[in-house]
Amino acid sequence: MEYVEQRNGGYYVAGTRISLDSVVYAFLRGETPKDIQDSFPGCLTLEQIAGALEFYRANMAIVDEYLKHQHAEFERMRAEDRSRRPEFYARMEAARRTLREKGLLTSEPS
């Protein structure tokens, strides 16, 4: 059985809208297959997760290169959006500062 399919320029758990990226990053953060399943209620079986992770292990160099490319593309789009909407991002940063000062925000967004 195929557990991963390539479509629209990306890798997905076969038959779902869940990206392989999501499963792999959760795994690399130390989440168990059950934790990953709980993150996608009703969407993934443990068998699909195990199959996706086996695909990752068998194709690690290709998938890692793909993830690196995806990350670079995300950062490019983020920078482009920030330059297009500086007022919005300034308001967001001001709101974060206020929340940090009140002790309501303890971690930085990625």
PDB file of N, CA and C in Angstrom:
ATOM      1  N   MET A   1       0.846  -1.190   0.000  1.00  0.00           N
ATOM      2  CA  MET A   1       0.000   0.000   0.000  1.00  0.00           C
ATOM      3  C   MET A   1       0.885   1.245   0.000  1.00  0.00           C
ATOM      4  N   GLU A   2       0.496   2.222  -0.787  1.00  0.00           N
ATOM      5  CA  GLU A   2       1.218   3.492  -0.826  1.00  0.00           C
ATOM      6  C   GLU A   2       0.656   4.406   0.257  1.00  0.00           C
ATOM      7  N   TYR A   3       1.528   4.940   1.086  1.00  0.00           N
ATOM      8  CA  TYR A   3       1.090   5.813   2.179  1.00  0.00           C
ATOM      9  C   TYR A   3       1.341   7.287   1.910  1.00  0.00           C
ATOM     10  N   VAL A   4       2.156   7.571   0.902  1.00  0.00           N
ATOM     11  CA  VAL A   4       2.480   8.959   0.576  1.00  0.00           C
ATOM     12  C   VAL A   4       2.289   9.140  -0.923  1.00  0.00           C
ATOM     13  N   GLU A   5       1.713  10.272  -1.276  1.00  0.00           N
ATOM     14  CA  GLU A   5       1.552  10.600  -2.695  1.00  0.00           C
ATOM     15  C   GLU A   5       2.054  12.013  -2.936  1.00  0.00           C
ATOM     16  N   GLN A   6       2.490  12.229  -4.154  1.00  0.00           N
ATOM     17  CA  GLN A   6       2.973  13.552  -4.533  1.00  0.00           C
ATOM     18  C   GLN A   6       1.914  14.187  -5.422  1.00  0.00           C
ATOM     19  N   ARG A   7       1.484  15.392  -5.047  1.00  0.00           N
ATOM     20  CA  ARG A   7       0.516  16.132  -5.860  1.00  0.00           C
ATOM     21  C   ARG A   7       0.660  17.616  -5.575  1.00  0.00           C
ATOM     22  N   ASN A   8       0.305  18.424  -6.550  1.00  0.00           N
ATOM     23  CA  ASN A   8       0.374  19.883  -6.426  1.00  0.00           C
ATOM     24  C   ASN A   8       1.741  20.352  -5.945  1.00  0.00           C
ATOM     25  N   GLY A   9       2.785  19.641  -6.321  1.00  0.00           N
ATOM     26  CA  GLY A   9       4.136  20.034  -5.960  1.00  0.00           C
ATOM     27  C   GLY A   9       4.549  19.678  -4.550  1.00  0.00           C
ATOM     28  N   GLY A  10       3.708  18.914  -3.836  1.00  0.00           N
ATOM     29  CA  GLY A  10       4.038  18.557  -2.464  1.00  0.00           C
ATOM     30  C   GLY A  10       3.799  17.086  -2.190  1.00  0.00           C
ATOM     31  N   TYR A  11       4.186  16.672  -0.998  1.00  0.00           N
ATOM     32  CA  TYR A  11       3.967  15.299  -0.549  1.00  0.00           C
ATOM     33  C   TYR A  11       2.831  15.300   0.468  1.00  0.00           C
ATOM     34  N   TYR A  12       1.935  14.319   0.350  1.00  0.00           N
ATOM     35  CA  TYR A  12       0.780  14.215   1.237  1.00  0.00           C
ATOM     36  C   TYR A  12       0.592  12.774   1.680  1.00  0.00           C
ATOM     37  N   VAL A  13       0.009  12.600   2.861  1.00  0.00           N
ATOM     38  CA  VAL A  13      -0.399  11.271   3.275  1.00  0.00           C
ATOM     39  C   VAL A  13      -1.482  10.860   2.281  1.00  0.00           C
ATOM     40  N   ALA A  14      -1.308   9.715   1.650  1.00  0.00           N
ATOM     41  CA  ALA A  14      -2.189   9.283   0.558  1.00  0.00           C
ATOM     42  C   ALA A  14      -3.660   9.325   0.975  1.00  0.00           C
ATOM     43  N   GLY A  15      -4.470   9.917   0.088  1.00  0.00           N
ATOM     44  CA  GLY A  15      -5.903   9.964   0.303  1.00  0.00           C
ATOM     45  C   GLY A  15      -6.372  10.997   1.310  1.00  0.00           C
ATOM     46  N   THR A  16      -5.453  11.878   1.746  1.00  0.00           N
ATOM     47  CA  THR A  16      -5.810  12.905   2.732  1.00  0.00           C
ATOM     48  C   THR A  16      -5.318  14.267   2.258  1.00  0.00           C
ATOM     49  N   ARG A  17      -5.689  15.279   3.022  1.00  0.00           N
ATOM     50  CA  ARG A  17      -5.177  16.629   2.777  1.00  0.00           C
ATOM     51  C   ARG A  17      -4.028  16.950   3.730  1.00  0.00           C
ATOM     52  N   ILE A  18      -3.547  15.956   4.458  1.00  0.00           N
ATOM     53  CA  ILE A  18      -2.489  16.152   5.443  1.00  0.00           C
ATOM     54  C   ILE A  18      -1.127  16.061   4.754  1.00  0.00           C
ATOM     55  N   SER A  19      -0.332  17.116   4.907  1.00  0.00           N
ATOM     56  CA  SER A  19       0.988  17.119   4.274  1.00  0.00           C
ATOM     57  C   SER A  19       1.945  16.198   5.010  1.00  0.00           C
ATOM     58  N   LEU A  20       2.859  15.622   4.245  1.00  0.00           N
ATOM     59  CA  LEU A  20       3.922  14.827   4.848  1.00  0.00           C
ATOM     60  C   LEU A  20       4.737  15.710   5.786  1.00  0.00           C
ATOM     61  N   ASP A  21       4.888  16.980   5.422  1.00  0.00           N
ATOM     62  CA  ASP A  21       5.619  17.937   6.263  1.00  0.00           C
ATOM     63  C   ASP A  21       5.100  17.898   7.702  1.00  0.00           C
ATOM     64  N   SER A  22       3.772  17.944   7.845  1.00  0.00           N
ATOM     65  CA  SER A  22       3.160  17.988   9.173  1.00  0.00           C
ATOM     66  C   SER A  22       3.519  16.765  10.002  1.00  0.00           C
ATOM     67  N   VAL A  23       3.471  15.620   9.376  1.00  0.00           N
ATOM     68  CA  VAL A  23       3.776  14.366  10.076  1.00  0.00           C
ATOM     69  C   VAL A  23       5.260  14.313  10.429  1.00  0.00           C
ATOM     70  N   VAL A  24       6.108  14.643   9.475  1.00  0.00           N
ATOM     71  CA  VAL A  24       7.559  14.564   9.704  1.00  0.00           C
ATOM     72  C   VAL A  24       7.999  15.566  10.775  1.00  0.00           C
ATOM     73  N   TYR A  25       7.540  16.816  10.684  1.00  0.00           N
ATOM     74  CA  TYR A  25       7.944  17.797  11.691  1.00  0.00           C
ATOM     75  C   TYR A  25       7.480  17.394  13.086  1.00  0.00           C
ATOM     76  N   ALA A  26       6.279  16.843  13.202  1.00  0.00           N
ATOM     77  CA  ALA A  26       5.794  16.380  14.506  1.00  0.00           C
ATOM     78  C   ALA A  26       6.691  15.259  15.022  1.00  0.00           C
ATOM     79  N   PHE A  27       7.034  14.330  14.151  1.00  0.00           N
ATOM     80  CA  PHE A  27       7.921  13.227  14.513  1.00  0.00           C
ATOM     81  C   PHE A  27       9.282  13.746  14.965  1.00  0.00           C
ATOM     82  N   LEU A  28       9.831  14.712  14.218  1.00  0.00           N
ATOM     83  CA  LEU A  28      11.147  15.261  14.565  1.00  0.00           C
ATOM     84  C   LEU A  28      11.114  16.056  15.871  1.00  0.00           C
ATOM     85  N   ARG A  29       9.937  16.571  16.244  1.00  0.00           N
ATOM     86  CA  ARG A  29       9.787  17.246  17.545  1.00  0.00           C
ATOM     87  C   ARG A  29       9.657  16.249  18.691  1.00  0.00           C
ATOM     88  N   GLY A  30       9.603  14.968  18.360  1.00  0.00           N
ATOM     89  CA  GLY A  30       9.530  13.947  19.393  1.00  0.00           C
ATOM     90  C   GLY A  30       8.130  13.432  19.684  1.00  0.00           C
ATOM     91  N   GLU A  31       7.153  13.828  18.865  1.00  0.00           N
ATOM     92  CA  GLU A  31       5.796  13.344  19.081  1.00  0.00           C
ATOM     93  C   GLU A  31       5.702  11.876  18.679  1.00  0.00           C
ATOM     94  N   THR A  32       4.889  11.139  19.406  1.00  0.00           N
ATOM     95  CA  THR A  32       4.647   9.731  19.087  1.00  0.00           C
ATOM     96  C   THR A  32       3.614   9.648  17.971  1.00  0.00           C
ATOM     97  N   PRO A  33       3.509   8.499  17.313  1.00  0.00           N
ATOM     98  CA  PRO A  33       2.442   8.353  16.319  1.00  0.00           C
ATOM     99  C   PRO A  33       1.053   8.661  16.894  1.00  0.00           C
ATOM    100  N   LYS A  34       0.803   8.278  18.139  1.00  0.00           N
ATOM    101  CA  LYS A  34      -0.490   8.565  18.769  1.00  0.00           C
ATOM    102  C   LYS A  34      -0.664  10.075  18.944  1.00  0.00           C
ATOM    103  N   ASP A  35       0.384  10.778  19.356  1.00  0.00           N
ATOM    104  CA  ASP A  35       0.323  12.245  19.477  1.00  0.00           C
ATOM    105  C   ASP A  35      -0.007  12.878  18.121  1.00  0.00           C
ATOM    106  N   ILE A  36       0.631  12.363  17.080  1.00  0.00           N
ATOM    107  CA  ILE A  36       0.393  12.897  15.741  1.00  0.00           C
ATOM    108  C   ILE A  36      -1.054  12.639  15.340  1.00  0.00           C
ATOM    109  N   GLN A  37      -1.533  11.442  15.603  1.00  0.00           N
ATOM    110  CA  GLN A  37      -2.926  11.116  15.282  1.00  0.00           C
ATOM    111  C   GLN A  37      -3.878  12.048  16.028  1.00  0.00           C
ATOM    112  N   ASP A  38      -3.599  12.326  17.287  1.00  0.00           N
ATOM    113  CA  ASP A  38      -4.446  13.210  18.090  1.00  0.00           C
ATOM    114  C   ASP A  38      -4.455  14.640  17.541  1.00  0.00           C
ATOM    115  N   SER A  39      -3.387  15.034  16.837  1.00  0.00           N
ATOM    116  CA  SER A  39      -3.324  16.372  16.238  1.00  0.00           C
ATOM    117  C   SER A  39      -4.228  16.497  15.011  1.00  0.00           C
ATOM    118  N   PHE A  40      -4.610  15.358  14.451  1.00  0.00           N
ATOM    119  CA  PHE A  40      -5.454  15.325  13.256  1.00  0.00           C
ATOM    120  C   PHE A  40      -6.634  14.394  13.509  1.00  0.00           C
ATOM    121  N   PRO A  41      -7.516  14.765  14.450  1.00  0.00           N
ATOM    122  CA  PRO A  41      -8.601  13.846  14.833  1.00  0.00           C
ATOM    123  C   PRO A  41      -9.458  13.420  13.645  1.00  0.00           C
ATOM    124  N   GLY A  42      -9.611  12.112  13.524  1.00  0.00           N
ATOM    125  CA  GLY A  42     -10.448  11.559  12.482  1.00  0.00           C
ATOM    126  C   GLY A  42      -9.845  11.589  11.093  1.00  0.00           C
ATOM    127  N   CYS A  43      -8.617  12.085  10.962  1.00  0.00           N
ATOM    128  CA  CYS A  43      -8.007  12.233   9.628  1.00  0.00           C
ATOM    129  C   CYS A  43      -6.971  11.167   9.305  1.00  0.00           C
ATOM    130  N   LEU A  44      -6.247  10.703  10.312  1.00  0.00           N
ATOM    131  CA  LEU A  44      -5.146   9.770  10.075  1.00  0.00           C
ATOM    132  C   LEU A  44      -5.263   8.546  10.980  1.00  0.00           C
ATOM    133  N   THR A  45      -4.958   7.395  10.403  1.00  0.00           N
ATOM    134  CA  THR A  45      -4.862   6.184  11.211  1.00  0.00           C
ATOM    135  C   THR A  45      -3.407   6.013  11.645  1.00  0.00           C
ATOM    136  N   LEU A  46      -3.199   5.195  12.649  1.00  0.00           N
ATOM    137  CA  LEU A  46      -1.821   4.910  13.061  1.00  0.00           C
ATOM    138  C   LEU A  46      -1.062   4.211  11.932  1.00  0.00           C
ATOM    139  N   GLU A  47      -1.756   3.414  11.145  1.00  0.00           N
ATOM    140  CA  GLU A  47      -1.122   2.746  10.007  1.00  0.00           C
ATOM    141  C   GLU A  47      -0.645   3.778   8.978  1.00  0.00           C
ATOM    142  N   GLN A  48      -1.464   4.777   8.691  1.00  0.00           N
ATOM    143  CA  GLN A  48      -1.056   5.821   7.733  1.00  0.00           C
ATOM    144  C   GLN A  48       0.155   6.583   8.251  1.00  0.00           C
ATOM    145  N   ILE A  49       0.155   6.880   9.545  1.00  0.00           N
ATOM    146  CA  ILE A  49       1.283   7.610  10.138  1.00  0.00           C
ATOM    147  C   ILE A  49       2.550   6.767  10.065  1.00  0.00           C
ATOM    148  N   ALA A  50       2.441   5.493  10.438  1.00  0.00           N
ATOM    149  CA  ALA A  50       3.602   4.601  10.365  1.00  0.00           C
ATOM    150  C   ALA A  50       4.106   4.496   8.927  1.00  0.00           C
ATOM    151  N   GLY A  51       3.191   4.399   7.976  1.00  0.00           N
ATOM    152  CA  GLY A  51       3.582   4.322   6.568  1.00  0.00           C
ATOM    153  C   GLY A  51       4.262   5.592   6.094  1.00  0.00           C
ATOM    154  N   ALA A  52       3.734   6.740   6.503  1.00  0.00           N
ATOM    155  CA  ALA A  52       4.334   8.020   6.128  1.00  0.00           C
ATOM    156  C   ALA A  52       5.738   8.149   6.715  1.00  0.00           C
ATOM    157  N   LEU A  53       5.893   7.721   7.965  1.00  0.00           N
ATOM    158  CA  LEU A  53       7.214   7.798   8.599  1.00  0.00           C
ATOM    159  C   LEU A  53       8.189   6.813   7.966  1.00  0.00           C
ATOM    160  N   GLU A  54       7.702   5.667   7.548  1.00  0.00           N
ATOM    161  CA  GLU A  54       8.564   4.710   6.847  1.00  0.00           C
ATOM    162  C   GLU A  54       8.995   5.287   5.500  1.00  0.00           C
ATOM    163  N   PHE A  55       8.076   5.958   4.801  1.00  0.00           N
ATOM    164  CA  PHE A  55       8.427   6.635   3.549  1.00  0.00           C
ATOM    165  C   PHE A  55       9.517   7.668   3.817  1.00  0.00           C
ATOM    166  N   TYR A  56       9.356   8.430   4.905  1.00  0.00           N
ATOM    167  CA  TYR A  56      10.365   9.437   5.248  1.00  0.00           C
ATOM    168  C   TYR A  56      11.721   8.780   5.479  1.00  0.00           C
ATOM    169  N   ARG A  57      11.740   7.720   6.282  1.00  0.00           N
ATOM    170  CA  ARG A  57      13.018   7.047   6.576  1.00  0.00           C
ATOM    171  C   ARG A  57      13.669   6.484   5.309  1.00  0.00           C
ATOM    172  N   ALA A  58      12.864   5.942   4.415  1.00  0.00           N
ATOM    173  CA  ALA A  58      13.390   5.330   3.191  1.00  0.00           C
ATOM    174  C   ALA A  58      13.846   6.371   2.175  1.00  0.00           C
ATOM    175  N   ASN A  59      13.334   7.586   2.295  1.00  0.00           N
ATOM    176  CA  ASN A  59      13.631   8.650   1.327  1.00  0.00           C
ATOM    177  C   ASN A  59      14.116   9.918   2.018  1.00  0.00           C
ATOM    178  N   MET A  60      14.837   9.746   3.103  1.00  0.00           N
ATOM    179  CA  MET A  60      15.201  10.870   3.966  1.00  0.00           C
ATOM    180  C   MET A  60      15.927  11.992   3.224  1.00  0.00           C
ATOM    181  N   ALA A  61      16.869  11.668   2.378  1.00  0.00           N
ATOM    182  CA  ALA A  61      17.632  12.720   1.683  1.00  0.00           C
ATOM    183  C   ALA A  61      16.710  13.540   0.788  1.00  0.00           C
ATOM    184  N   ILE A  62      15.834  12.867   0.051  1.00  0.00           N
ATOM    185  CA  ILE A  62      14.911  13.570  -0.846  1.00  0.00           C
ATOM    186  C   ILE A  62      13.917  14.407  -0.050  1.00  0.00           C
ATOM    187  N   VAL A  63      13.341  13.819   0.994  1.00  0.00           N
ATOM    188  CA  VAL A  63      12.333  14.540   1.791  1.00  0.00           C
ATOM    189  C   VAL A  63      12.976  15.701   2.538  1.00  0.00           C
ATOM    190  N   ASP A  64      14.167  15.500   3.099  1.00  0.00           N
ATOM    191  CA  ASP A  64      14.835  16.599   3.806  1.00  0.00           C
ATOM    192  C   ASP A  64      15.129  17.764   2.855  1.00  0.00           C
ATOM    193  N   GLU A  65      15.535  17.456   1.626  1.00  0.00           N
ATOM    194  CA  GLU A  65      15.769  18.510   0.642  1.00  0.00           C
ATOM    195  C   GLU A  65      14.459  19.223   0.303  1.00  0.00           C
ATOM    196  N   TYR A  66      13.395  18.458   0.145  1.00  0.00           N
ATOM    197  CA  TYR A  66      12.063  19.025  -0.108  1.00  0.00           C
ATOM    198  C   TYR A  66      11.644  19.943   1.049  1.00  0.00           C
ATOM    199  N   LEU A  67      11.827  19.491   2.293  1.00  0.00           N
ATOM    200  CA  LEU A  67      11.451  20.302   3.459  1.00  0.00           C
ATOM    201  C   LEU A  67      12.281  21.583   3.514  1.00  0.00           C
ATOM    202  N   LYS A  68      13.553  21.478   3.188  1.00  0.00           N
ATOM    203  CA  LYS A  68      14.432  22.651   3.158  1.00  0.00           C
ATOM    204  C   LYS A  68      13.927  23.654   2.121  1.00  0.00           C
ATOM    205  N   HIS A  69      13.558  23.163   0.960  1.00  0.00           N
ATOM    206  CA  HIS A  69      13.019  24.029  -0.100  1.00  0.00           C
ATOM    207  C   HIS A  69      11.703  24.659   0.344  1.00  0.00           C
ATOM    208  N   GLN A  70      10.827  23.882   0.961  1.00  0.00           N
ATOM    209  CA  GLN A  70       9.540  24.398   1.432  1.00  0.00           C
ATOM    210  C   GLN A  70       9.746  25.500   2.472  1.00  0.00           C
ATOM    211  N   HIS A  71      10.692  25.297   3.368  1.00  0.00           N
ATOM    212  CA  HIS A  71      10.977  26.291   4.405  1.00  0.00           C
ATOM    213  C   HIS A  71      11.494  27.590   3.775  1.00  0.00           C
ATOM    214  N   ALA A  72      12.395  27.458   2.818  1.00  0.00           N
ATOM    215  CA  ALA A  72      12.935  28.646   2.140  1.00  0.00           C
ATOM    216  C   ALA A  72      11.824  29.398   1.407  1.00  0.00           C
ATOM    217  N   GLU A  73      10.920  28.665   0.776  1.00  0.00           N
ATOM    218  CA  GLU A  73       9.810  29.299   0.065  1.00  0.00           C
ATOM    219  C   GLU A  73       8.876  30.004   1.055  1.00  0.00           C
ATOM    220  N   PHE A  74       8.617  29.383   2.193  1.00  0.00           N
ATOM    221  CA  PHE A  74       7.787  30.006   3.225  1.00  0.00           C
ATOM    222  C   PHE A  74       8.431  31.307   3.707  1.00  0.00           C
ATOM    223  N   GLU A  75       9.725  31.287   3.981  1.00  0.00           N
ATOM    224  CA  GLU A  75      10.423  32.479   4.451  1.00  0.00           C
ATOM    225  C   GLU A  75      10.398  33.584   3.397  1.00  0.00           C
ATOM    226  N   ARG A  76      10.537  33.208   2.124  1.00  0.00           N
ATOM    227  CA  ARG A  76      10.467  34.186   1.049  1.00  0.00           C
ATOM    228  C   ARG A  76       9.093  34.844   1.018  1.00  0.00           C
ATOM    229  N   MET A  77       8.042  34.037   1.115  1.00  0.00           N
ATOM    230  CA  MET A  77       6.683  34.581   1.085  1.00  0.00           C
ATOM    231  C   MET A  77       6.405  35.435   2.323  1.00  0.00           C
ATOM    232  N   ARG A  78       6.948  35.017   3.472  1.00  0.00           N
ATOM    233  CA  ARG A  78       6.760  35.803   4.699  1.00  0.00           C
ATOM    234  C   ARG A  78       7.405  37.177   4.563  1.00  0.00           C
ATOM    235  N   ALA A  79       8.631  37.211   4.056  1.00  0.00           N
ATOM    236  CA  ALA A  79       9.332  38.486   3.878  1.00  0.00           C
ATOM    237  C   ALA A  79       8.594  39.372   2.880  1.00  0.00           C
ATOM    238  N   GLU A  80       8.102  38.765   1.812  1.00  0.00           N
ATOM    239  CA  GLU A  80       7.344  39.520   0.813  1.00  0.00           C
ATOM    240  C   GLU A  80       6.086  40.125   1.439  1.00  0.00           C
ATOM    241  N   ASP A  81       5.375  39.349   2.232  1.00  0.00           N
ATOM    242  CA  ASP A  81       4.154  39.845   2.879  1.00  0.00           C
ATOM    243  C   ASP A  81       4.479  40.957   3.872  1.00  0.00           C
ATOM    244  N   ARG A  82       5.549  40.792   4.633  1.00  0.00           N
ATOM    245  CA  ARG A  82       5.939  41.832   5.593  1.00  0.00           C
ATOM    246  C   ARG A  82       6.272  43.145   4.885  1.00  0.00           C
ATOM    247  N   SER A  83       6.907  43.056   3.731  1.00  0.00           N
ATOM    248  CA  SER A  83       7.251  44.294   3.026  1.00  0.00           C
ATOM    249  C   SER A  83       6.021  44.927   2.384  1.00  0.00           C
ATOM    250  N   ARG A  84       5.029  44.121   2.069  1.00  0.00           N
ATOM    251  CA  ARG A  84       3.797  44.633   1.475  1.00  0.00           C
ATOM    252  C   ARG A  84       2.851  45.239   2.512  1.00  0.00           C
ATOM    253  N   ARG A  85       2.922  44.748   3.754  1.00  0.00           N
ATOM    254  CA  ARG A  85       1.969  45.191   4.783  1.00  0.00           C
ATOM    255  C   ARG A  85       2.674  45.573   6.086  1.00  0.00           C
ATOM    256  N   PRO A  86       3.585  46.543   6.041  1.00  0.00           N
ATOM    257  CA  PRO A  86       4.360  46.876   7.242  1.00  0.00           C
ATOM    258  C   PRO A  86       3.489  47.390   8.393  1.00  0.00           C
ATOM    259  N   GLU A  87       2.407  48.093   8.094  1.00  0.00           N
ATOM    260  CA  GLU A  87       1.552  48.627   9.164  1.00  0.00           C
ATOM    261  C   GLU A  87       0.909  47.491   9.956  1.00  0.00           C
ATOM    262  N   PHE A  88       0.441  46.479   9.257  1.00  0.00           N
ATOM    263  CA  PHE A  88      -0.172  45.326   9.925  1.00  0.00           C
ATOM    264  C   PHE A  88       0.822  44.671  10.871  1.00  0.00           C
ATOM    265  N   TYR A  89       2.038  44.418  10.393  1.00  0.00           N
ATOM    266  CA  TYR A  89       3.039  43.747  11.218  1.00  0.00           C
ATOM    267  C   TYR A  89       3.500  44.631  12.375  1.00  0.00           C
ATOM    268  N   ALA A  90       3.509  45.931  12.187  1.00  0.00           N
ATOM    269  CA  ALA A  90       3.845  46.839  13.291  1.00  0.00           C
ATOM    270  C   ALA A  90       2.767  46.754  14.378  1.00  0.00           C
ATOM    271  N   ARG A  91       1.496  46.694  13.974  1.00  0.00           N
ATOM    272  CA  ARG A  91       0.405  46.551  14.948  1.00  0.00           C
ATOM    273  C   ARG A  91       0.490  45.212  15.678  1.00  0.00           C
ATOM    274  N   MET A  92       0.824  44.165  14.942  1.00  0.00           N
ATOM    275  CA  MET A  92       0.965  42.845  15.566  1.00  0.00           C
ATOM    276  C   MET A  92       2.097  42.842  16.591  1.00  0.00           C
ATOM    277  N   GLU A  93       3.216  43.440  16.252  1.00  0.00           N
ATOM    278  CA  GLU A  93       4.338  43.493  17.190  1.00  0.00           C
ATOM    279  C   GLU A  93       3.978  44.315  18.421  1.00  0.00           C
ATOM    280  N   ALA A  94       3.259  45.426  18.238  1.00  0.00           N
ATOM    281  CA  ALA A  94       2.816  46.240  19.375  1.00  0.00           C
ATOM    282  C   ALA A  94       1.891  45.429  20.273  1.00  0.00           C
ATOM    283  N   ALA A  95       1.005  44.657  19.683  1.00  0.00           N
ATOM    284  CA  ALA A  95       0.103  43.813  20.472  1.00  0.00           C
ATOM    285  C   ALA A  95       0.880  42.747  21.238  1.00  0.00           C
ATOM    286  N   ARG A  96       1.889  42.132  20.604  1.00  0.00           N
ATOM    287  CA  ARG A  96       2.727  41.145  21.296  1.00  0.00           C
ATOM    288  C   ARG A  96       3.466  41.769  22.469  1.00  0.00           C
ATOM    289  N   ARG A  97       3.998  42.998  22.250  1.00  0.00           N
ATOM    290  CA  ARG A  97       4.707  43.693  23.336  1.00  0.00           C
ATOM    291  C   ARG A  97       3.776  43.901  24.524  1.00  0.00           C
ATOM    292  N   THR A  98       2.558  44.354  24.248  1.00  0.00           N
ATOM    293  CA  THR A  98       1.578  44.588  25.311  1.00  0.00           C
ATOM    294  C   THR A  98       1.281  43.289  26.055  1.00  0.00           C
ATOM    295  N   LEU A  99       1.075  42.204  25.327  1.00  0.00           N
ATOM    296  CA  LEU A  99       0.789  40.911  25.966  1.00  0.00           C
ATOM    297  C   LEU A  99       1.971  40.421  26.793  1.00  0.00           C
ATOM    298  N   ARG A 100       3.202  40.614  26.278  1.00  0.00           N
ATOM    299  CA  ARG A 100       4.389  40.223  27.050  1.00  0.00           C
ATOM    300  C   ARG A 100       4.485  41.035  28.332  1.00  0.00           C
ATOM    301  N   GLU A 101       4.245  42.352  28.231  1.00  0.00           N
ATOM    302  CA  GLU A 101       4.313  43.220  29.413  1.00  0.00           C
ATOM    303  C   GLU A 101       3.296  42.808  30.474  1.00  0.00           C
ATOM    304  N   LYS A 102       2.156  42.317  30.045  1.00  0.00           N
ATOM    305  CA  LYS A 102       1.105  41.863  30.977  1.00  0.00           C
ATOM    306  C   LYS A 102       1.324  40.417  31.429  1.00  0.00           C
ATOM    307  N   GLY A 103       2.388  39.784  30.908  1.00  0.00           N
ATOM    308  CA  GLY A 103       2.666  38.408  31.289  1.00  0.00           C
ATOM    309  C   GLY A 103       1.756  37.383  30.633  1.00  0.00           C
ATOM    310  N   LEU A 104       1.069  37.792  29.577  1.00  0.00           N
ATOM    311  CA  LEU A 104       0.129  36.894  28.902  1.00  0.00           C
ATOM    312  C   LEU A 104       0.731  36.175  27.715  1.00  0.00           C
ATOM    313  N   LEU A 105       1.946  36.554  27.337  1.00  0.00           N
ATOM    314  CA  LEU A 105       2.630  35.905  26.218  1.00  0.00           C
ATOM    315  C   LEU A 105       4.041  35.580  26.689  1.00  0.00           C
ATOM    316  N   THR A 106       4.362  34.286  26.657  1.00  0.00           N
ATOM    317  CA  THR A 106       5.671  33.893  27.168  1.00  0.00           C
ATOM    318  C   THR A 106       6.612  33.388  26.096  1.00  0.00           C
ATOM    319  N   SER A 107       6.073  33.050  24.909  1.00  0.00           N
ATOM    320  CA  SER A 107       6.961  32.583  23.851  1.00  0.00           C
ATOM    321  C   SER A 107       6.773  33.431  22.611  1.00  0.00           C
ATOM    322  N   GLU A 108       7.801  33.443  21.806  1.00  0.00           N
ATOM    323  CA  GLU A 108       7.783  34.217  20.569  1.00  0.00           C
ATOM    324  C   GLU A 108       7.189  33.383  19.450  1.00  0.00           C
ATOM    325  N   PRO A 109       6.460  34.015  18.545  1.00  0.00           N
ATOM    326  CA  PRO A 109       5.977  33.258  17.378  1.00  0.00           C
ATOM    327  C   PRO A 109       7.144  32.902  16.477  1.00  0.00           C
ATOM    328  N   SER A 110       6.986  31.835  15.706  1.00  0.00           N
ATOM    329  CA  SER A 110       8.072  31.427  14.798  1.00  0.00           C
ATOM    330  C   SER A 110       7.990  32.163  13.499  1.00  0.00           C
TER     331      SER A 110
END
